[in-house]
Amino acid sequence: LYPALQRLEQRGWIKGAWGTSENNRRARFYSLTAVGRKQLVVETGRWNALVESIVRVLGPDPTPESA
């Protein structure tokens, strides 16, 4: 998880800040940046296109019919 968060932060998609958690432990909190919000829209579009392609191949209901 942490390498992925570091990559997102290096790309400027999220911003991390140290703080205190609910149980008074030091924790890193992340928030989405403006650039990250734009990238989220792009990635959501890509994901939806992939899902649509899979549905076209498999059909709307890929589960076998009960006999």
N, C-alpha and C. Protein backbone atom coordinates (compact mmCIF):
# COMPACT_ATOMS: atom_id res chain seq x y z
N LEU A 1 0.82 -1.19 0.00
CA LEU A 1 0.00 0.00 0.00
C LEU A 1 0.87 1.26 0.00
N TYR A 2 1.89 1.26 0.83
CA TYR A 2 2.69 2.48 0.97
C TYR A 2 3.47 2.85 -0.30
N PRO A 3 4.02 1.88 -1.04
CA PRO A 3 4.65 2.26 -2.31
C PRO A 3 3.66 2.90 -3.28
N ALA A 4 2.44 2.42 -3.30
CA ALA A 4 1.41 3.00 -4.18
C ALA A 4 1.10 4.43 -3.74
N LEU A 5 0.96 4.65 -2.44
CA LEU A 5 0.70 6.00 -1.94
C LEU A 5 1.87 6.94 -2.27
N GLN A 6 3.09 6.43 -2.16
CA GLN A 6 4.26 7.25 -2.49
C GLN A 6 4.27 7.63 -3.97
N ARG A 7 3.91 6.68 -4.84
CA ARG A 7 3.85 6.98 -6.28
C ARG A 7 2.79 8.05 -6.56
N LEU A 8 1.62 7.90 -5.94
CA LEU A 8 0.55 8.89 -6.14
C LEU A 8 0.99 10.27 -5.66
N GLU A 9 1.69 10.29 -4.54
CA GLU A 9 2.16 11.57 -4.00
C GLU A 9 3.25 12.17 -4.90
N GLN A 10 4.15 11.35 -5.42
CA GLN A 10 5.20 11.84 -6.32
C GLN A 10 4.61 12.42 -7.60
N ARG A 11 3.52 11.84 -8.06
CA ARG A 11 2.86 12.33 -9.27
C ARG A 11 2.02 13.58 -9.01
N GLY A 12 1.85 13.93 -7.74
CA GLY A 12 1.09 15.12 -7.39
C GLY A 12 -0.41 14.88 -7.33
N TRP A 13 -0.82 13.61 -7.30
CA TRP A 13 -2.25 13.28 -7.30
C TRP A 13 -2.84 13.30 -5.90
N ILE A 14 -1.99 13.06 -4.89
CA ILE A 14 -2.43 13.15 -3.50
C ILE A 14 -1.39 13.95 -2.72
N LYS A 15 -1.81 14.44 -1.54
CA LYS A 15 -0.89 15.15 -0.66
C LYS A 15 -1.01 14.52 0.71
N GLY A 16 0.13 14.19 1.29
CA GLY A 16 0.15 13.58 2.61
C GLY A 16 0.55 14.58 3.67
N ALA A 17 -0.01 14.42 4.85
CA ALA A 17 0.34 15.28 5.98
C ALA A 17 0.29 14.44 7.25
N TRP A 18 1.23 14.68 8.14
CA TRP A 18 1.25 13.97 9.41
C TRP A 18 0.23 14.59 10.36
N GLY A 19 -0.40 13.74 11.16
CA GLY A 19 -1.37 14.20 12.13
C GLY A 19 -1.54 13.16 13.22
N THR A 20 -2.56 13.34 14.03
CA THR A 20 -2.84 12.41 15.12
C THR A 20 -4.16 11.71 14.83
N SER A 21 -4.14 10.38 14.96
CA SER A 21 -5.34 9.59 14.69
C SER A 21 -6.31 9.67 15.87
N GLU A 22 -7.46 9.01 15.71
CA GLU A 22 -8.48 9.02 16.76
C GLU A 22 -7.97 8.38 18.05
N ASN A 23 -7.02 7.44 17.93
CA ASN A 23 -6.49 6.79 19.14
C ASN A 23 -5.15 7.40 19.56
N ASN A 24 -4.96 8.68 19.21
CA ASN A 24 -3.79 9.47 19.61
C ASN A 24 -2.45 8.91 19.12
N ARG A 25 -2.46 8.26 17.98
CA ARG A 25 -1.22 7.79 17.37
C ARG A 25 -0.86 8.70 16.20
N ARG A 26 0.42 8.81 15.97
CA ARG A 26 0.89 9.60 14.82
C ARG A 26 0.51 8.84 13.55
N ALA A 27 -0.08 9.54 12.61
CA ALA A 27 -0.55 8.90 11.38
C ALA A 27 -0.39 9.86 10.21
N ARG A 28 -0.30 9.28 9.03
CA ARG A 28 -0.21 10.09 7.81
C ARG A 28 -1.58 10.09 7.16
N PHE A 29 -2.09 11.27 6.86
CA PHE A 29 -3.39 11.44 6.23
C PHE A 29 -3.18 11.95 4.81
N TYR A 30 -3.97 11.41 3.89
CA TYR A 30 -3.83 11.76 2.48
C TYR A 30 -5.10 12.42 1.97
N SER A 31 -4.91 13.39 1.08
CA SER A 31 -6.05 14.03 0.44
C SER A 31 -5.76 14.16 -1.05
N LEU A 32 -6.81 14.16 -1.83
CA LEU A 32 -6.71 14.27 -3.28
C LEU A 32 -6.43 15.72 -3.65
N THR A 33 -5.48 15.94 -4.55
CA THR A 33 -5.18 17.29 -5.03
C THR A 33 -6.07 17.61 -6.23
N ALA A 34 -6.00 18.85 -6.69
CA ALA A 34 -6.77 19.24 -7.89
C ALA A 34 -6.32 18.42 -9.09
N VAL A 35 -5.01 18.22 -9.22
CA VAL A 35 -4.48 17.39 -10.32
C VAL A 35 -4.97 15.95 -10.15
N GLY A 36 -5.02 15.49 -8.91
CA GLY A 36 -5.51 14.14 -8.63
C GLY A 36 -6.97 13.97 -8.98
N ARG A 37 -7.76 15.00 -8.75
CA ARG A 37 -9.19 14.93 -9.12
C ARG A 37 -9.35 14.81 -10.63
N LYS A 38 -8.54 15.57 -11.37
CA LYS A 38 -8.59 15.48 -12.84
C LYS A 38 -8.17 14.09 -13.30
N GLN A 39 -7.13 13.54 -12.68
CA GLN A 39 -6.67 12.21 -13.05
C GLN A 39 -7.71 11.16 -12.68
N LEU A 40 -8.41 11.36 -11.59
CA LEU A 40 -9.47 10.43 -11.19
C LEU A 40 -10.55 10.36 -12.26
N VAL A 41 -10.91 11.51 -12.83
CA VAL A 41 -11.90 11.53 -13.91
C VAL A 41 -11.39 10.73 -15.11
N VAL A 42 -10.11 10.93 -15.46
CA VAL A 42 -9.51 10.20 -16.58
C VAL A 42 -9.53 8.70 -16.31
N GLU A 43 -9.07 8.30 -15.13
CA GLU A 43 -8.99 6.87 -14.80
C GLU A 43 -10.37 6.24 -14.69
N THR A 44 -11.35 6.99 -14.20
CA THR A 44 -12.72 6.48 -14.12
C THR A 44 -13.25 6.22 -15.52
N GLY A 45 -12.97 7.12 -16.44
CA GLY A 45 -13.38 6.92 -17.83
C GLY A 45 -12.74 5.69 -18.44
N ARG A 46 -11.46 5.49 -18.16
CA ARG A 46 -10.77 4.29 -18.67
C ARG A 46 -11.38 3.02 -18.08
N TRP A 47 -11.66 3.05 -16.79
CA TRP A 47 -12.25 1.89 -16.13
C TRP A 47 -13.62 1.58 -16.73
N ASN A 48 -14.44 2.60 -16.90
CA ASN A 48 -15.78 2.40 -17.46
C ASN A 48 -15.71 1.85 -18.88
N ALA A 49 -14.74 2.31 -19.67
CA ALA A 49 -14.57 1.79 -21.03
C ALA A 49 -14.19 0.32 -20.99
N LEU A 50 -13.34 -0.06 -20.07
CA LEU A 50 -12.94 -1.46 -19.92
C LEU A 50 -14.14 -2.31 -19.53
N VAL A 51 -14.93 -1.84 -18.57
CA VAL A 51 -16.12 -2.58 -18.14
C VAL A 51 -17.09 -2.74 -19.30
N GLU A 52 -17.31 -1.69 -20.06
CA GLU A 52 -18.22 -1.76 -21.21
C GLU A 52 -17.73 -2.78 -22.22
N SER A 53 -16.43 -2.84 -22.45
CA SER A 53 -15.87 -3.81 -23.39
C SER A 53 -16.08 -5.24 -22.90
N ILE A 54 -15.89 -5.45 -21.63
CA ILE A 54 -16.08 -6.78 -21.05
C ILE A 54 -17.54 -7.19 -21.14
N VAL A 55 -18.45 -6.28 -20.86
CA VAL A 55 -19.88 -6.58 -20.95
C VAL A 55 -20.27 -6.92 -22.38
N ARG A 56 -19.69 -6.22 -23.37
CA ARG A 56 -19.98 -6.54 -24.77
C ARG A 56 -19.53 -7.96 -25.12
N VAL A 57 -18.40 -8.37 -24.58
CA VAL A 57 -17.88 -9.71 -24.87
C VAL A 57 -18.68 -10.78 -24.13
N LEU A 58 -18.94 -10.55 -22.86
CA LEU A 58 -19.61 -11.56 -22.03
C LEU A 58 -21.12 -11.49 -22.11
N GLY A 59 -21.65 -10.36 -22.47
CA GLY A 59 -23.10 -10.16 -22.44
C GLY A 59 -23.48 -9.53 -21.12
N PRO A 60 -24.73 -9.07 -21.03
CA PRO A 60 -25.15 -8.36 -19.82
C PRO A 60 -25.23 -9.24 -18.58
N ASP A 61 -25.45 -10.56 -18.76
CA ASP A 61 -25.56 -11.47 -17.61
C ASP A 61 -24.69 -12.69 -17.87
N PRO A 62 -23.43 -12.65 -17.42
CA PRO A 62 -22.52 -13.75 -17.72
C PRO A 62 -22.74 -15.01 -16.87
N THR A 63 -23.68 -14.97 -15.93
CA THR A 63 -23.91 -16.15 -15.08
C THR A 63 -24.73 -17.18 -15.83
N PRO A 64 -24.42 -18.47 -15.66
CA PRO A 64 -25.20 -19.51 -16.34
C PRO A 64 -26.62 -19.57 -15.78
N GLU A 65 -27.55 -19.93 -16.65
CA GLU A 65 -28.95 -20.03 -16.21
C GLU A 65 -29.12 -21.25 -15.32
N SER A 66 -29.98 -21.09 -14.32
CA SER A 66 -30.28 -22.21 -13.42
C SER A 66 -31.21 -23.17 -14.13
N ALA A 67 -30.95 -24.46 -13.95
CA ALA A 67 -31.79 -25.47 -14.62
C ALA A 67 -32.87 -25.96 -13.70
